[in-house]
């Protein structure tokens, strides 16, 4: 969803807008892809780290951004023309 769309929904709904992010629940899909599904707490630690990276990029910070699970090098957010 684009940032502007989210802000529009937020305005129309009088501030009652939220996004529910689920950190992987479909074990069968992972098994079929040959990927080991991490346990619940590990998935949510990864998800929190991912959200932190996205937040920093949305705030205009330029990478490198590195954490326990993610490393983003030479990246900056840019708007579409």
N, C-alpha and C. Protein backbone atom coordinates (compact mmCIF):
# COMPACT_ATOMS: atom_id res chain seq x y z
N UNK A 1 0.85 -1.17 0.00
CA UNK A 1 0.00 0.00 0.00
C UNK A 1 0.89 1.23 0.00
N UNK A 2 0.52 2.16 -0.78
CA UNK A 2 1.30 3.39 -0.85
C UNK A 2 1.03 4.27 0.36
N UNK A 3 2.03 5.02 0.73
CA UNK A 3 1.94 5.89 1.90
C UNK A 3 0.73 6.81 1.82
N UNK A 4 0.49 7.42 0.66
CA UNK A 4 -0.65 8.33 0.50
C UNK A 4 -1.99 7.64 0.68
N UNK A 5 -2.09 6.41 0.19
CA UNK A 5 -3.33 5.65 0.36
C UNK A 5 -3.59 5.38 1.84
N UNK A 6 -2.54 5.00 2.56
CA UNK A 6 -2.69 4.73 3.99
C UNK A 6 -3.13 5.99 4.73
N UNK A 7 -2.54 7.12 4.38
CA UNK A 7 -2.92 8.38 5.04
C UNK A 7 -4.35 8.76 4.69
N UNK A 8 -4.77 8.49 3.45
CA UNK A 8 -6.15 8.76 3.06
C UNK A 8 -7.14 7.93 3.86
N UNK A 9 -6.85 6.65 4.00
CA UNK A 9 -7.72 5.77 4.79
C UNK A 9 -7.75 6.25 6.24
N UNK A 10 -6.60 6.65 6.76
CA UNK A 10 -6.52 7.16 8.13
C UNK A 10 -7.44 8.36 8.30
N UNK A 11 -7.44 9.27 7.34
CA UNK A 11 -8.30 10.46 7.42
C UNK A 11 -9.77 10.09 7.32
N UNK A 12 -10.12 9.27 6.36
CA UNK A 12 -11.53 8.88 6.15
C UNK A 12 -12.09 8.15 7.37
N UNK A 13 -11.26 7.33 8.02
CA UNK A 13 -11.72 6.51 9.14
C UNK A 13 -11.56 7.20 10.49
N UNK A 14 -11.26 8.48 10.48
CA UNK A 14 -11.06 9.24 11.73
C UNK A 14 -9.99 8.61 12.61
N UNK A 15 -8.92 8.16 11.99
CA UNK A 15 -7.78 7.63 12.75
C UNK A 15 -7.87 6.17 13.11
N UNK A 16 -8.86 5.47 12.59
CA UNK A 16 -9.01 4.05 12.91
C UNK A 16 -8.44 3.18 11.79
N UNK A 17 -7.18 3.34 11.54
CA UNK A 17 -6.51 2.57 10.49
C UNK A 17 -5.34 1.84 11.10
N UNK A 18 -5.22 0.56 10.78
CA UNK A 18 -4.12 -0.24 11.29
C UNK A 18 -3.75 -1.28 10.24
N UNK A 19 -2.54 -1.73 10.30
CA UNK A 19 -2.09 -2.82 9.45
C UNK A 19 -1.69 -3.97 10.36
N UNK A 20 -2.23 -5.13 10.07
CA UNK A 20 -1.90 -6.32 10.85
C UNK A 20 -0.82 -7.10 10.09
N UNK A 21 0.35 -7.16 10.65
CA UNK A 21 1.44 -7.93 10.05
C UNK A 21 1.60 -9.23 10.81
N UNK A 22 1.51 -10.33 10.09
CA UNK A 22 1.68 -11.65 10.69
C UNK A 22 3.04 -12.18 10.25
N UNK A 23 3.82 -12.60 11.20
CA UNK A 23 5.18 -13.08 10.91
C UNK A 23 5.19 -14.57 10.62
N UNK A 24 4.63 -14.94 9.51
CA UNK A 24 4.66 -16.28 8.97
C UNK A 24 3.98 -17.30 9.87
N UNK A 25 2.95 -17.87 9.36
CA UNK A 25 2.24 -18.89 10.12
C UNK A 25 2.04 -20.18 9.34
N UNK A 26 2.24 -20.15 8.03
CA UNK A 26 1.92 -21.31 7.20
C UNK A 26 3.13 -22.25 7.09
N UNK A 27 3.23 -23.15 8.03
CA UNK A 27 4.36 -24.08 8.09
C UNK A 27 4.46 -24.92 6.82
N UNK A 28 3.33 -25.37 6.28
CA UNK A 28 3.33 -26.22 5.08
C UNK A 28 3.96 -25.49 3.89
N UNK A 29 3.64 -24.21 3.73
CA UNK A 29 4.22 -23.44 2.62
C UNK A 29 5.74 -23.37 2.75
N UNK A 30 6.22 -23.19 3.97
CA UNK A 30 7.67 -23.16 4.19
C UNK A 30 8.29 -24.51 3.89
N UNK A 31 7.67 -25.58 4.38
CA UNK A 31 8.20 -26.91 4.15
C UNK A 31 8.27 -27.23 2.66
N UNK A 32 7.26 -26.85 1.92
CA UNK A 32 7.25 -27.11 0.47
C UNK A 32 8.34 -26.33 -0.24
N UNK A 33 8.71 -25.18 0.31
CA UNK A 33 9.77 -24.37 -0.29
C UNK A 33 11.16 -24.78 0.19
N UNK A 34 11.20 -25.75 1.11
CA UNK A 34 12.48 -26.21 1.64
C UNK A 34 13.11 -25.25 2.63
N UNK A 35 12.28 -24.41 3.26
CA UNK A 35 12.77 -23.42 4.21
C UNK A 35 12.36 -23.85 5.61
N UNK A 36 13.28 -23.77 6.55
CA UNK A 36 12.98 -24.10 7.94
C UNK A 36 12.23 -22.92 8.55
N UNK A 37 11.06 -23.19 9.08
CA UNK A 37 10.25 -22.15 9.72
C UNK A 37 10.76 -21.91 11.13
N UNK A 38 11.28 -20.72 11.41
CA UNK A 38 11.75 -20.44 12.77
C UNK A 38 10.61 -20.49 13.78
N UNK A 39 10.94 -20.68 15.02
CA UNK A 39 9.93 -20.70 16.07
C UNK A 39 9.31 -19.31 16.24
N UNK A 40 8.18 -19.29 16.90
CA UNK A 40 7.37 -18.08 17.06
C UNK A 40 8.17 -16.86 17.50
N UNK A 41 8.88 -16.96 18.60
CA UNK A 41 9.59 -15.79 19.13
C UNK A 41 10.67 -15.29 18.17
N UNK A 42 11.36 -16.21 17.50
CA UNK A 42 12.39 -15.81 16.53
C UNK A 42 11.76 -15.09 15.34
N UNK A 43 10.59 -15.55 14.89
CA UNK A 43 9.91 -14.88 13.78
C UNK A 43 9.53 -13.45 14.16
N UNK A 44 9.07 -13.25 15.37
CA UNK A 44 8.65 -11.91 15.78
C UNK A 44 9.84 -11.00 16.06
N UNK A 45 10.97 -11.55 16.51
CA UNK A 45 12.18 -10.73 16.63
C UNK A 45 12.62 -10.25 15.25
N UNK A 46 12.58 -11.14 14.27
CA UNK A 46 12.92 -10.78 12.89
C UNK A 46 11.95 -9.72 12.38
N UNK A 47 10.66 -9.92 12.62
CA UNK A 47 9.65 -8.96 12.17
C UNK A 47 9.85 -7.58 12.78
N UNK A 48 10.17 -7.53 14.06
CA UNK A 48 10.44 -6.24 14.72
C UNK A 48 11.66 -5.56 14.11
N UNK A 49 12.68 -6.35 13.83
CA UNK A 49 13.87 -5.77 13.22
C UNK A 49 13.55 -5.25 11.82
N UNK A 50 12.78 -6.00 11.05
CA UNK A 50 12.39 -5.58 9.69
C UNK A 50 11.60 -4.28 9.75
N UNK A 51 10.63 -4.20 10.66
CA UNK A 51 9.85 -2.97 10.79
C UNK A 51 10.74 -1.79 11.17
N UNK A 52 11.72 -2.03 12.02
CA UNK A 52 12.65 -0.97 12.40
C UNK A 52 13.44 -0.45 11.20
N UNK A 53 13.88 -1.35 10.33
CA UNK A 53 14.60 -0.94 9.13
C UNK A 53 13.68 -0.13 8.22
N UNK A 54 12.47 -0.61 8.00
CA UNK A 54 11.52 0.10 7.14
C UNK A 54 11.22 1.48 7.71
N UNK A 55 11.01 1.56 9.01
CA UNK A 55 10.71 2.85 9.65
C UNK A 55 11.86 3.84 9.44
N UNK A 56 13.08 3.38 9.63
CA UNK A 56 14.24 4.27 9.47
C UNK A 56 14.36 4.75 8.02
N UNK A 57 14.10 3.86 7.07
CA UNK A 57 14.16 4.26 5.67
C UNK A 57 13.04 5.24 5.33
N UNK A 58 11.84 5.01 5.87
CA UNK A 58 10.72 5.94 5.62
C UNK A 58 10.99 7.31 6.23
N UNK A 59 11.75 7.34 7.30
CA UNK A 59 12.09 8.62 7.94
C UNK A 59 13.22 9.34 7.21
N UNK A 60 13.73 8.73 6.14
CA UNK A 60 14.73 9.39 5.33
C UNK A 60 16.16 8.99 5.62
N UNK A 61 16.35 8.07 6.54
CA UNK A 61 17.71 7.63 6.84
C UNK A 61 18.25 6.80 5.67
N UNK A 62 19.49 6.98 5.39
CA UNK A 62 20.14 6.20 4.34
C UNK A 62 20.90 5.05 5.01
N UNK A 63 20.83 3.88 4.38
CA UNK A 63 21.55 2.76 4.95
C UNK A 63 23.05 2.97 4.76
N UNK A 64 23.96 2.33 5.44
CA UNK A 64 23.77 0.98 5.90
C UNK A 64 23.02 0.89 7.24
N UNK A 65 22.17 -0.08 7.31
CA UNK A 65 21.45 -0.41 8.53
C UNK A 65 21.70 -1.89 8.76
N UNK A 66 22.18 -2.24 9.92
CA UNK A 66 22.47 -3.65 10.19
C UNK A 66 21.92 -4.03 11.55
N UNK A 67 21.43 -5.25 11.62
CA UNK A 67 20.91 -5.78 12.88
C UNK A 67 21.31 -7.24 13.01
N UNK A 68 20.65 -7.93 13.91
CA UNK A 68 20.97 -9.34 14.15
C UNK A 68 20.59 -10.23 12.95
N UNK A 69 19.54 -9.84 12.22
CA UNK A 69 19.05 -10.66 11.13
C UNK A 69 19.15 -10.02 9.76
N UNK A 70 19.21 -8.71 9.71
CA UNK A 70 19.16 -7.99 8.44
C UNK A 70 20.35 -7.06 8.29
N UNK A 71 20.79 -6.91 7.05
CA UNK A 71 21.80 -5.92 6.73
C UNK A 71 21.39 -5.28 5.41
N UNK A 72 21.17 -3.98 5.43
CA UNK A 72 20.76 -3.25 4.24
C UNK A 72 21.88 -2.28 3.92
N UNK A 73 22.50 -2.46 2.76
CA UNK A 73 23.65 -1.64 2.38
C UNK A 73 23.30 -0.75 1.20
N UNK A 74 23.75 0.48 1.27
CA UNK A 74 23.64 1.43 0.17
C UNK A 74 22.22 1.54 -0.38
N UNK A 75 21.29 1.87 0.49
CA UNK A 75 19.90 2.00 0.09
C UNK A 75 19.32 3.26 0.70
N UNK A 76 18.51 3.93 -0.07
CA UNK A 76 17.78 5.10 0.43
C UNK A 76 16.41 5.09 -0.21
N UNK A 77 15.44 5.54 0.51
CA UNK A 77 14.10 5.62 -0.03
C UNK A 77 14.03 6.74 -1.05
N UNK A 78 13.32 6.50 -2.12
CA UNK A 78 13.09 7.56 -3.09
C UNK A 78 11.66 7.45 -3.57
N UNK A 79 11.08 8.59 -3.82
CA UNK A 79 9.70 8.62 -4.29
C UNK A 79 9.64 8.30 -5.77
N UNK A 80 8.53 7.70 -6.18
CA UNK A 80 8.31 7.44 -7.59
C UNK A 80 8.00 8.75 -8.31
N UNK A 81 8.43 8.86 -9.56
CA UNK A 81 8.12 10.09 -10.31
C UNK A 81 6.63 10.20 -10.62
